[in-house]
Amino acid sequence: MGTVHHVDDERLDTYAPEAWAESICQLIETTDPAAVVGPGTDRGQELLAHVGARLDLPMVANCIEVDVDGDQQYELARQRWGGSLVEHAHLDGETKLLTAAAHEFSPRTVDDATDPAVESFEPTLDEEAFRVVVDRIESSDTGGVSLAEARAVVGGGRGVDGADGYDKLERLADHLDGTVGASRAAVNEGWRPHDDQIGQTGTKISPDLYIACGISGAVQHMVGCKGADTTLAINTDPEAAIMQKADYAVVGDLHEIVPELNKMLDETG
C-alpha cells in the first residue's frame, strides 16, 4: 500500500513556484524517495526544474517510457523538439526527477486497488519563498469547450480561405459538441485568435475525433494533434502530409464537403 503525503500550508493554495518547490525539496529530504514524477505541463516542468536546481539533481522532461533495472538505473525515452524527436537517455541521481509527457499515458484500472495511507506534511517556509505567486486567473471570454478539453475538434487551415470560412466549421463543431481550432498559418493570417492555434506553439489536443480541414500537416501542427484518437483529414491535395498521417482522408474541397456533413447532421437531428 502506498502513502499519500499531503503538504499542509494554506499559503500554498495559490501557485507559488519557489514555495511549492521548497516544500517538495523538504519532503524529499524527509522521505528519501527513489523518484519524483510530475506532469509534463508548464507548471510541472517549472516546479521540478526548481527542485533539481535546489538539490543539484538532474531533471528529465517529457518522458514517454521509463525502464528501471535491478540497480535502480533509469533508461528512458523522452520527447524532444516538440515531440518530433525521441531521445533515449540514462538518468542518474540519488532521487530521479522526471515529468511524464502530456497526452502520452492513459489511466489504468487495477484489480487490487486499496486506499492509501494519508500523512500530513508541514514544510518550513519563510515569506521570501512567496515573492512570486499567481495573483489571479482570468478566464477566456470566448466561452464553450476549451481546445485542450474538447472531445471533438474541427480544425481549419489556410484552405478555409478566410475568417468567414470558419462559419461552416463552427456549425460542424456544434453538431459534435466540440470546438474549433486552427493551424498556425490561419492564425498568422488573422482569421482566428492565437487561443485557437493547435500545435507546438499553440495548444496540444487529445480529442476522440479531430477533423482537419484544409490543413497541410506541418510538423509543428502534427505535434499538437497527435494525441487525437481518430483523425479525419479533408484536403484537395492527396499528397499533403496530414493526409498520409490521418486515420481517414477525404480528397476534396472542404467548402463542399463540410456543408454536406452539416446537412446530413441536420437531417439526423
C-alpha atoms as a PDB file:
ATOM      1  CA  MET A   1       0.000   0.000   0.000  1.00  0.00           C
ATOM      2  CA  GLY A   2       1.331   3.445  -0.893  1.00  0.00           C
ATOM      3  CA  THR A   3       1.287   6.621   1.116  1.00  0.00           C
ATOM      4  CA  VAL A   4      -0.129   9.977   0.056  1.00  0.00           C
ATOM      5  CA  HIS A   5       1.820  12.893   1.500  1.00  0.00           C
ATOM      6  CA  HIS A   6      -0.403  15.939   1.886  1.00  0.00           C
ATOM      7  CA  VAL A   7       1.591  19.168   2.132  1.00  0.00           C
ATOM      8  CA  ASP A   8      -0.260  21.278   4.669  1.00  0.00           C
ATOM      9  CA  ASP A   9       0.145  25.057   4.446  1.00  0.00           C
ATOM     10  CA  GLU A  10      -2.766  27.286   3.456  1.00  0.00           C
ATOM     11  CA  ARG A  11      -0.346  29.714   1.777  1.00  0.00           C
ATOM     12  CA  LEU A  12       0.265  27.031  -0.843  1.00  0.00           C
ATOM     13  CA  ASP A  13      -3.346  27.115  -2.028  1.00  0.00           C
ATOM     14  CA  THR A  14      -2.263  29.550  -4.737  1.00  0.00           C
ATOM     15  CA  TYR A  15       0.618  28.686  -7.052  1.00  0.00           C
ATOM     16  CA  ALA A  16       3.975  29.950  -5.777  1.00  0.00           C
ATOM     17  CA  PRO A  17       6.746  28.113  -7.670  1.00  0.00           C
ATOM     18  CA  GLU A  18       9.562  28.695  -5.170  1.00  0.00           C
ATOM     19  CA  ALA A  19       7.418  27.780  -2.161  1.00  0.00           C
ATOM     20  CA  TRP A  20       5.994  24.696  -3.856  1.00  0.00           C
ATOM     21  CA  ALA A  21       9.488  23.611  -4.900  1.00  0.00           C
ATOM     22  CA  GLU A  22      10.892  24.147  -1.400  1.00  0.00           C
ATOM     23  CA  SER A  23       8.047  22.045   0.015  1.00  0.00           C
ATOM     24  CA  ILE A  24       8.897  19.189  -2.349  1.00  0.00           C
ATOM     25  CA  CYS A  25      12.600  19.504  -1.501  1.00  0.00           C
ATOM     26  CA  GLN A  26      11.859  19.194   2.221  1.00  0.00           C
ATOM     27  CA  LEU A  27       9.551  16.241   1.574  1.00  0.00           C
ATOM     28  CA  ILE A  28      12.285  14.531  -0.481  1.00  0.00           C
ATOM     29  CA  GLU A  29      14.767  15.005   2.355  1.00  0.00           C
ATOM     30  CA  THR A  30      12.232  13.542   4.802  1.00  0.00           C
ATOM     31  CA  THR A  31      11.016  10.543   2.792  1.00  0.00           C
ATOM     32  CA  ASP A  32      14.062   9.808   0.538  1.00  0.00           C
ATOM     33  CA  PRO A  33      12.037   8.629  -2.493  1.00  0.00           C
ATOM     34  CA  ALA A  34      13.625   6.841  -5.447  1.00  0.00           C
ATOM     35  CA  ALA A  35      11.910   9.217  -7.889  1.00  0.00           C
ATOM     36  CA  VAL A  36       9.605  12.203  -8.122  1.00  0.00           C
ATOM     37  CA  VAL A  37       7.316  12.235 -11.151  1.00  0.00           C
ATOM     38  CA  GLY A  38       5.389  15.302 -12.263  1.00  0.00           C
ATOM     39  CA  PRO A  39       3.040  16.105 -15.143  1.00  0.00           C
ATOM     40  CA  GLY A  40       4.546  17.343 -18.406  1.00  0.00           C
ATOM     41  CA  THR A  41       2.760  20.681 -18.126  1.00  0.00           C
ATOM     42  CA  ASP A  42       4.253  24.160 -17.915  1.00  0.00           C
ATOM     43  CA  ARG A  43       3.735  24.119 -14.169  1.00  0.00           C
ATOM     44  CA  GLY A  44       5.064  20.590 -13.710  1.00  0.00           C
ATOM     45  CA  GLN A  45       8.223  21.328 -15.710  1.00  0.00           C
ATOM     46  CA  GLU A  46       8.845  24.585 -13.858  1.00  0.00           C
ATOM     47  CA  LEU A  47       8.333  23.042 -10.441  1.00  0.00           C
ATOM     48  CA  LEU A  48      10.710  20.105 -10.893  1.00  0.00           C
ATOM     49  CA  ALA A  49      13.286  22.348 -12.558  1.00  0.00           C
ATOM     50  CA  HIS A  50      13.302  24.422  -9.348  1.00  0.00           C
ATOM     51  CA  VAL A  51      13.650  21.237  -7.288  1.00  0.00           C
ATOM     52  CA  GLY A  52      16.529  20.000  -9.416  1.00  0.00           C
ATOM     53  CA  ALA A  53      18.350  23.321  -9.102  1.00  0.00           C
ATOM     54  CA  ARG A  54      17.921  23.423  -5.327  1.00  0.00           C
ATOM     55  CA  LEU A  55      19.042  19.821  -4.730  1.00  0.00           C
ATOM     56  CA  ASP A  56      21.614  19.692  -7.553  1.00  0.00           C
ATOM     57  CA  LEU A  57      19.759  16.809  -9.208  1.00  0.00           C
ATOM     58  CA  PRO A  58      19.184  16.208 -12.927  1.00  0.00           C
ATOM     59  CA  MET A  59      15.625  16.538 -14.212  1.00  0.00           C
ATOM     60  CA  VAL A  60      14.316  14.884 -17.372  1.00  0.00           C
ATOM     61  CA  ALA A  61      11.208  16.316 -19.031  1.00  0.00           C
ATOM     62  CA  ASN A  62       8.511  14.804 -21.258  1.00  0.00           C
ATOM     63  CA  CYS A  63       9.230  11.105 -20.697  1.00  0.00           C
ATOM     64  CA  ILE A  64       7.233   8.581 -22.689  1.00  0.00           C
ATOM     65  CA  GLU A  65       8.896   5.393 -21.397  1.00  0.00           C
ATOM     66  CA  VAL A  66      10.984   4.503 -18.348  1.00  0.00           C
ATOM     67  CA  ASP A  67      12.744   1.207 -17.622  1.00  0.00           C
ATOM     68  CA  VAL A  68      14.267   0.524 -14.198  1.00  0.00           C
ATOM     69  CA  ASP A  69      16.919  -2.202 -13.894  1.00  0.00           C
ATOM     70  CA  GLY A  70      17.913  -4.100 -10.762  1.00  0.00           C
ATOM     71  CA  ASP A  71      20.396  -1.407  -9.708  1.00  0.00           C
ATOM     72  CA  GLN A  72      17.686   1.270  -9.866  1.00  0.00           C
ATOM     73  CA  GLN A  73      19.238   2.727 -13.002  1.00  0.00           C
ATOM     74  CA  TYR A  74      16.765   4.516 -15.249  1.00  0.00           C
ATOM     75  CA  GLU A  75      16.805   4.059 -19.016  1.00  0.00           C
ATOM     76  CA  LEU A  76      14.187   6.287 -20.577  1.00  0.00           C
ATOM     77  CA  ALA A  77      12.797   7.732 -23.762  1.00  0.00           C
ATOM     78  CA  ARG A  78      11.609  11.302 -23.926  1.00  0.00           C
ATOM     79  CA  GLN A  79      10.202  13.727 -26.451  1.00  0.00           C
ATOM     80  CA  ARG A  80      12.417  16.466 -27.837  1.00  0.00           C
ATOM     81  CA  TRP A  81      11.792  19.283 -30.302  1.00  0.00           C
ATOM     82  CA  GLY A  82       8.095  19.403 -29.525  1.00  0.00           C
ATOM     83  CA  GLY A  83       7.652  15.655 -29.985  1.00  0.00           C
ATOM     84  CA  SER A  84       9.232  15.400 -33.433  1.00  0.00           C
ATOM     85  CA  LEU A  85      12.261  13.561 -31.986  1.00  0.00           C
ATOM     86  CA  VAL A  86      12.508  10.766 -29.399  1.00  0.00           C
ATOM     87  CA  GLU A  87      15.684  10.755 -27.324  1.00  0.00           C
ATOM     88  CA  HIS A  88      16.916   7.690 -25.411  1.00  0.00           C
ATOM     89  CA  ALA A  89      18.853   8.618 -22.290  1.00  0.00           C
ATOM     90  CA  HIS A  90      20.228   7.369 -18.966  1.00  0.00           C
ATOM     91  CA  LEU A  91      19.195   9.130 -15.760  1.00  0.00           C
ATOM     92  CA  ASP A  92      21.430   9.221 -12.669  1.00  0.00           C
ATOM     93  CA  GLY A  93      20.821  10.875  -9.317  1.00  0.00           C
ATOM     94  CA  GLU A  94      20.008   9.921  -5.745  1.00  0.00           C
ATOM     95  CA  THR A  95      16.427  10.929  -6.432  1.00  0.00           C
ATOM     96  CA  LYS A  96      15.264  10.801 -10.038  1.00  0.00           C
ATOM     97  CA  LEU A  97      13.240  13.820 -11.214  1.00  0.00           C
ATOM     98  CA  LEU A  98      11.129  13.380 -14.317  1.00  0.00           C
ATOM     99  CA  THR A  99       7.910  14.531 -15.932  1.00  0.00           C
ATOM    100  CA  ALA A 100       5.505  12.457 -17.998  1.00  0.00           C
ATOM    101  CA  ALA A 101       4.776  13.808 -21.478  1.00  0.00           C
ATOM    102  CA  ALA A 102       1.277  15.217 -21.856  1.00  0.00           C
ATOM    103  CA  HIS A 103      -1.340  13.034 -23.611  1.00  0.00           C
ATOM    104  CA  GLU A 104       1.007  10.014 -23.746  1.00  0.00           C
ATOM    105  CA  PHE A 105      -0.330   7.978 -20.814  1.00  0.00           C
ATOM    106  CA  SER A 106      -3.852   6.744 -20.207  1.00  0.00           C
ATOM    107  CA  PRO A 107      -5.295   5.888 -16.775  1.00  0.00           C
ATOM    108  CA  ARG A 108      -5.343   2.190 -15.902  1.00  0.00           C
ATOM    109  CA  THR A 109      -7.805   0.292 -13.755  1.00  0.00           C
ATOM    110  CA  VAL A 110      -6.172  -2.061 -11.269  1.00  0.00           C
ATOM    111  CA  ASP A 111      -7.922  -5.049  -9.723  1.00  0.00           C
ATOM    112  CA  ASP A 112      -6.237  -4.845  -6.323  1.00  0.00           C
ATOM    113  CA  ALA A 113      -6.639  -1.133  -5.645  1.00  0.00           C
ATOM    114  CA  THR A 114      -6.555  -0.168  -1.966  1.00  0.00           C
ATOM    115  CA  ASP A 115      -6.981   3.032  -0.009  1.00  0.00           C
ATOM    116  CA  PRO A 116      -3.549   4.544   0.641  1.00  0.00           C
ATOM    117  CA  ALA A 117      -2.437   5.938   3.947  1.00  0.00           C
ATOM    118  CA  VAL A 118      -2.536   9.743   4.085  1.00  0.00           C
ATOM    119  CA  GLU A 119       0.119  11.627   6.026  1.00  0.00           C
ATOM    120  CA  SER A 120       0.203  15.372   6.538  1.00  0.00           C
ATOM    121  CA  PHE A 121       3.495  17.179   5.981  1.00  0.00           C
ATOM    122  CA  GLU A 122       4.102  20.730   7.181  1.00  0.00           C
ATOM    123  CA  PRO A 123       7.023  22.415   5.405  1.00  0.00           C
ATOM    124  CA  THR A 124       9.037  25.238   6.924  1.00  0.00           C
ATOM    125  CA  LEU A 125       8.615  28.204   4.597  1.00  0.00           C
ATOM    126  CA  ASP A 126       9.597  31.839   5.060  1.00  0.00           C
ATOM    127  CA  GLU A 127       7.931  34.753   3.327  1.00  0.00           C
ATOM    128  CA  GLU A 128      10.799  35.040   0.821  1.00  0.00           C
ATOM    129  CA  ALA A 129       9.557  31.803  -0.759  1.00  0.00           C
ATOM    130  CA  PHE A 130       6.315  33.600  -1.665  1.00  0.00           C
ATOM    131  CA  ARG A 131       7.859  36.532  -3.506  1.00  0.00           C
ATOM    132  CA  VAL A 132       6.414  35.077  -6.745  1.00  0.00           C
ATOM    133  CA  VAL A 133       2.777  33.961  -6.621  1.00  0.00           C
ATOM    134  CA  VAL A 134      -0.142  33.697  -9.030  1.00  0.00           C
ATOM    135  CA  ASP A 135      -2.113  36.860  -8.400  1.00  0.00           C
ATOM    136  CA  ARG A 136      -5.251  35.880 -10.317  1.00  0.00           C
ATOM    137  CA  ILE A 137      -6.504  33.661 -13.101  1.00  0.00           C
ATOM    138  CA  GLU A 138      -8.614  35.222 -15.812  1.00  0.00           C
ATOM    139  CA  SER A 139     -10.888  33.012 -17.892  1.00  0.00           C
ATOM    140  CA  SER A 140     -11.179  33.436 -21.624  1.00  0.00           C
ATOM    141  CA  ASP A 141     -14.290  35.329 -22.711  1.00  0.00           C
ATOM    142  CA  THR A 142     -14.784  33.069 -25.724  1.00  0.00           C
ATOM    143  CA  GLY A 143     -16.927  30.572 -23.828  1.00  0.00           C
ATOM    144  CA  GLY A 144     -17.604  26.998 -24.893  1.00  0.00           C
ATOM    145  CA  VAL A 145     -15.339  23.985 -24.550  1.00  0.00           C
ATOM    146  CA  SER A 146     -11.601  24.649 -24.458  1.00  0.00           C
ATOM    147  CA  LEU A 147      -9.356  23.087 -27.100  1.00  0.00           C
ATOM    148  CA  ALA A 148      -7.375  21.136 -24.524  1.00  0.00           C
ATOM    149  CA  GLU A 149     -10.517  19.528 -23.064  1.00  0.00           C
ATOM    150  CA  ALA A 150     -12.717  19.097 -26.144  1.00  0.00           C
ATOM    151  CA  ARG A 151     -13.656  15.543 -27.152  1.00  0.00           C
ATOM    152  CA  ALA A 152     -14.204  16.682 -30.738  1.00  0.00           C
ATOM    153  CA  VAL A 153     -12.184  19.343 -32.550  1.00  0.00           C
ATOM    154  CA  VAL A 154     -12.698  20.760 -36.051  1.00  0.00           C
ATOM    155  CA  GLY A 155      -9.538  22.445 -37.275  1.00  0.00           C
ATOM    156  CA  GLY A 156      -9.193  24.862 -40.157  1.00  0.00           C
ATOM    157  CA  GLY A 157      -6.077  25.875 -42.062  1.00  0.00           C
ATOM    158  CA  ARG A 158      -5.136  28.042 -44.997  1.00  0.00           C
ATOM    159  CA  GLY A 159      -7.612  26.110 -47.161  1.00  0.00           C
ATOM    160  CA  VAL A 160     -10.525  27.701 -45.281  1.00  0.00           C
ATOM    161  CA  ASP A 161      -9.763  30.852 -47.328  1.00  0.00           C
ATOM    162  CA  GLY A 162     -10.639  33.464 -44.739  1.00  0.00           C
ATOM    163  CA  ALA A 163     -12.314  34.196 -41.422  1.00  0.00           C
ATOM    164  CA  ASP A 164     -15.812  33.792 -42.891  1.00  0.00           C
ATOM    165  CA  GLY A 165     -14.966  30.263 -43.961  1.00  0.00           C
ATOM    166  CA  TYR A 166     -14.957  29.153 -40.332  1.00  0.00           C
ATOM    167  CA  ASP A 167     -18.728  29.557 -40.046  1.00  0.00           C
ATOM    168  CA  LYS A 168     -19.312  26.119 -41.539  1.00  0.00           C
ATOM    169  CA  LEU A 169     -16.628  24.634 -39.275  1.00  0.00           C
ATOM    170  CA  GLU A 170     -18.332  26.194 -36.241  1.00  0.00           C
ATOM    171  CA  ARG A 171     -21.604  24.522 -37.264  1.00  0.00           C
ATOM    172  CA  LEU A 172     -19.895  21.162 -37.607  1.00  0.00           C
ATOM    173  CA  ALA A 173     -18.241  21.530 -34.218  1.00  0.00           C
ATOM    174  CA  ASP A 174     -21.617  22.398 -32.656  1.00  0.00           C
ATOM    175  CA  HIS A 175     -23.111  19.220 -34.115  1.00  0.00           C
ATOM    176  CA  LEU A 176     -20.313  17.230 -32.468  1.00  0.00           C
ATOM    177  CA  ASP A 177     -20.457  19.109 -29.143  1.00  0.00           C
ATOM    178  CA  GLY A 178     -16.898  20.167 -29.844  1.00  0.00           C
ATOM    179  CA  THR A 179     -14.903  23.264 -30.629  1.00  0.00           C
ATOM    180  CA  VAL A 180     -12.949  24.844 -33.477  1.00  0.00           C
ATOM    181  CA  GLY A 181      -9.187  25.126 -33.765  1.00  0.00           C
ATOM    182  CA  ALA A 182      -6.819  26.493 -36.372  1.00  0.00           C
ATOM    183  CA  SER A 183      -3.401  25.995 -37.879  1.00  0.00           C
ATOM    184  CA  ARG A 184      -0.600  28.487 -37.327  1.00  0.00           C
ATOM    185  CA  ALA A 185      -0.989  29.679 -40.924  1.00  0.00           C
ATOM    186  CA  ALA A 186      -4.629  30.617 -40.299  1.00  0.00           C
ATOM    187  CA  VAL A 187      -3.750  32.373 -37.053  1.00  0.00           C
ATOM    188  CA  ASN A 188      -0.945  34.277 -38.775  1.00  0.00           C
ATOM    189  CA  GLU A 189      -3.448  35.442 -41.382  1.00  0.00           C
ATOM    190  CA  GLY A 190      -5.574  36.879 -38.586  1.00  0.00           C
ATOM    191  CA  TRP A 191      -8.515  34.579 -39.275  1.00  0.00           C
ATOM    192  CA  ARG A 192      -8.552  33.108 -35.762  1.00  0.00           C
ATOM    193  CA  PRO A 193      -7.102  34.198 -32.385  1.00  0.00           C
ATOM    194  CA  HIS A 194      -3.935  32.571 -31.045  1.00  0.00           C
ATOM    195  CA  ASP A 195      -6.024  30.791 -28.378  1.00  0.00           C
ATOM    196  CA  ASP A 196      -7.404  28.638 -31.211  1.00  0.00           C
ATOM    197  CA  GLN A 197      -4.000  27.576 -32.528  1.00  0.00           C
ATOM    198  CA  ILE A 198      -3.245  23.850 -32.484  1.00  0.00           C
ATOM    199  CA  GLY A 199       0.403  22.898 -32.490  1.00  0.00           C
ATOM    200  CA  GLN A 200       3.778  23.053 -30.841  1.00  0.00           C
ATOM    201  CA  THR A 201       3.465  26.790 -30.264  1.00  0.00           C
ATOM    202  CA  GLY A 202      -0.257  26.613 -29.581  1.00  0.00           C
ATOM    203  CA  THR A 203      -2.448  24.082 -27.777  1.00  0.00           C
ATOM    204  CA  LYS A 204      -1.860  20.331 -27.766  1.00  0.00           C
ATOM    205  CA  ILE A 205      -5.136  18.465 -28.134  1.00  0.00           C
ATOM    206  CA  SER A 206      -6.227  14.893 -27.409  1.00  0.00           C
ATOM    207  CA  PRO A 207      -9.856  14.600 -28.585  1.00  0.00           C
ATOM    208  CA  ASP A 208     -11.706  11.444 -29.525  1.00  0.00           C
ATOM    209  CA  LEU A 209     -12.121  12.926 -33.012  1.00  0.00           C
ATOM    210  CA  TYR A 210     -10.116  15.558 -34.864  1.00  0.00           C
ATOM    211  CA  ILE A 211     -11.365  16.778 -38.255  1.00  0.00           C
ATOM    212  CA  ALA A 212      -8.637  18.733 -40.054  1.00  0.00           C
ATOM    213  CA  CYS A 213      -9.980  20.885 -42.872  1.00  0.00           C
ATOM    214  CA  GLY A 214      -7.634  22.492 -45.376  1.00  0.00           C
ATOM    215  CA  ILE A 215      -4.572  21.876 -43.196  1.00  0.00           C
ATOM    216  CA  SER A 216      -1.344  20.716 -44.827  1.00  0.00           C
ATOM    217  CA  GLY A 217       0.080  18.997 -41.752  1.00  0.00           C
ATOM    218  CA  ALA A 218       3.317  20.819 -40.927  1.00  0.00           C
ATOM    219  CA  VAL A 219       5.428  19.193 -38.217  1.00  0.00           C
ATOM    220  CA  GLN A 220       4.562  21.800 -35.592  1.00  0.00           C
ATOM    221  CA  HIS A 221       0.838  21.223 -36.194  1.00  0.00           C
ATOM    222  CA  MET A 222       1.136  17.426 -36.069  1.00  0.00           C
ATOM    223  CA  VAL A 223       2.918  17.707 -32.716  1.00  0.00           C
ATOM    224  CA  GLY A 224      -0.185  19.422 -31.387  1.00  0.00           C
ATOM    225  CA  CYS A 225      -2.787  16.977 -32.694  1.00  0.00           C
ATOM    226  CA  LYS A 226      -1.026  13.614 -32.440  1.00  0.00           C
ATOM    227  CA  GLY A 227      -2.902  12.886 -29.200  1.00  0.00           C
ATOM    228  CA  ALA A 228      -6.199  12.544 -31.097  1.00  0.00           C
ATOM    229  CA  ASP A 229      -7.715   9.055 -31.027  1.00  0.00           C
ATOM    230  CA  THR A 230      -9.028   9.402 -34.587  1.00  0.00           C
ATOM    231  CA  THR A 231      -8.084  11.972 -37.224  1.00  0.00           C
ATOM    232  CA  LEU A 232     -10.112  12.719 -40.363  1.00  0.00           C
ATOM    233  CA  ALA A 233      -8.385  14.952 -42.916  1.00  0.00           C
ATOM    234  CA  ILE A 234     -10.195  16.859 -45.675  1.00  0.00           C
ATOM    235  CA  ASN A 235      -7.888  18.340 -48.309  1.00  0.00           C
ATOM    236  CA  THR A 236      -7.767  18.902 -52.056  1.00  0.00           C
ATOM    237  CA  ASP A 237      -4.142  17.726 -52.111  1.00  0.00           C
ATOM    238  CA  PRO A 238      -3.874  13.946 -51.723  1.00  0.00           C
ATOM    239  CA  GLU A 239      -0.124  14.329 -51.117  1.00  0.00           C
ATOM    240  CA  ALA A 240      -0.497  16.697 -48.150  1.00  0.00           C
ATOM    241  CA  ALA A 241       1.405  15.424 -45.111  1.00  0.00           C
ATOM    242  CA  ILE A 242      -1.704  15.279 -42.944  1.00  0.00           C
ATOM    243  CA  MET A 243      -3.439  13.023 -45.489  1.00  0.00           C
ATOM    244  CA  GLN A 244      -0.683  10.453 -45.041  1.00  0.00           C
ATOM    245  CA  LYS A 245      -0.885  10.551 -41.255  1.00  0.00           C
ATOM    246  CA  ALA A 246      -4.658  10.697 -40.762  1.00  0.00           C
ATOM    247  CA  ASP A 247      -6.755   7.627 -39.920  1.00  0.00           C
ATOM    248  CA  TYR A 248      -9.232   8.682 -42.615  1.00  0.00           C
ATOM    249  CA  ALA A 249      -8.677  11.050 -45.532  1.00  0.00           C
ATOM    250  CA  VAL A 250     -11.161  12.662 -47.912  1.00  0.00           C
ATOM    251  CA  VAL A 251      -9.756  14.203 -51.078  1.00  0.00           C
ATOM    252  CA  GLY A 252     -11.968  17.132 -51.944  1.00  0.00           C
ATOM    253  CA  ASP A 253     -12.948  20.742 -51.330  1.00  0.00           C
ATOM    254  CA  LEU A 254     -13.827  21.426 -47.695  1.00  0.00           C
ATOM    255  CA  HIS A 255     -16.236  24.146 -48.877  1.00  0.00           C
ATOM    256  CA  GLU A 256     -18.323  21.406 -50.492  1.00  0.00           C
ATOM    257  CA  ILE A 257     -17.736  18.540 -48.059  1.00  0.00           C
ATOM    258  CA  VAL A 258     -18.275  20.307 -44.731  1.00  0.00           C
ATOM    259  CA  PRO A 259     -21.661  21.809 -45.750  1.00  0.00           C
ATOM    260  CA  GLU A 260     -22.760  18.331 -46.844  1.00  0.00           C
ATOM    261  CA  LEU A 261     -21.718  16.936 -43.469  1.00  0.00           C
ATOM    262  CA  ASN A 262     -23.680  19.686 -41.740  1.00  0.00           C
ATOM    263  CA  LYS A 263     -26.719  18.955 -43.906  1.00  0.00           C
ATOM    264  CA  MET A 264     -26.584  15.245 -43.047  1.00  0.00           C
ATOM    265  CA  LEU A 265     -26.246  16.010 -39.359  1.00  0.00           C
ATOM    266  CA  ASP A 266     -29.130  18.492 -39.541  1.00  0.00           C
ATOM    267  CA  GLU A 267     -31.321  15.787 -41.038  1.00  0.00           C
ATOM    268  CA  THR A 268     -30.371  13.181 -38.442  1.00  0.00           C
ATOM    269  CA  GLY A 269     -31.023  15.610 -35.602  1.00  0.00           C
END
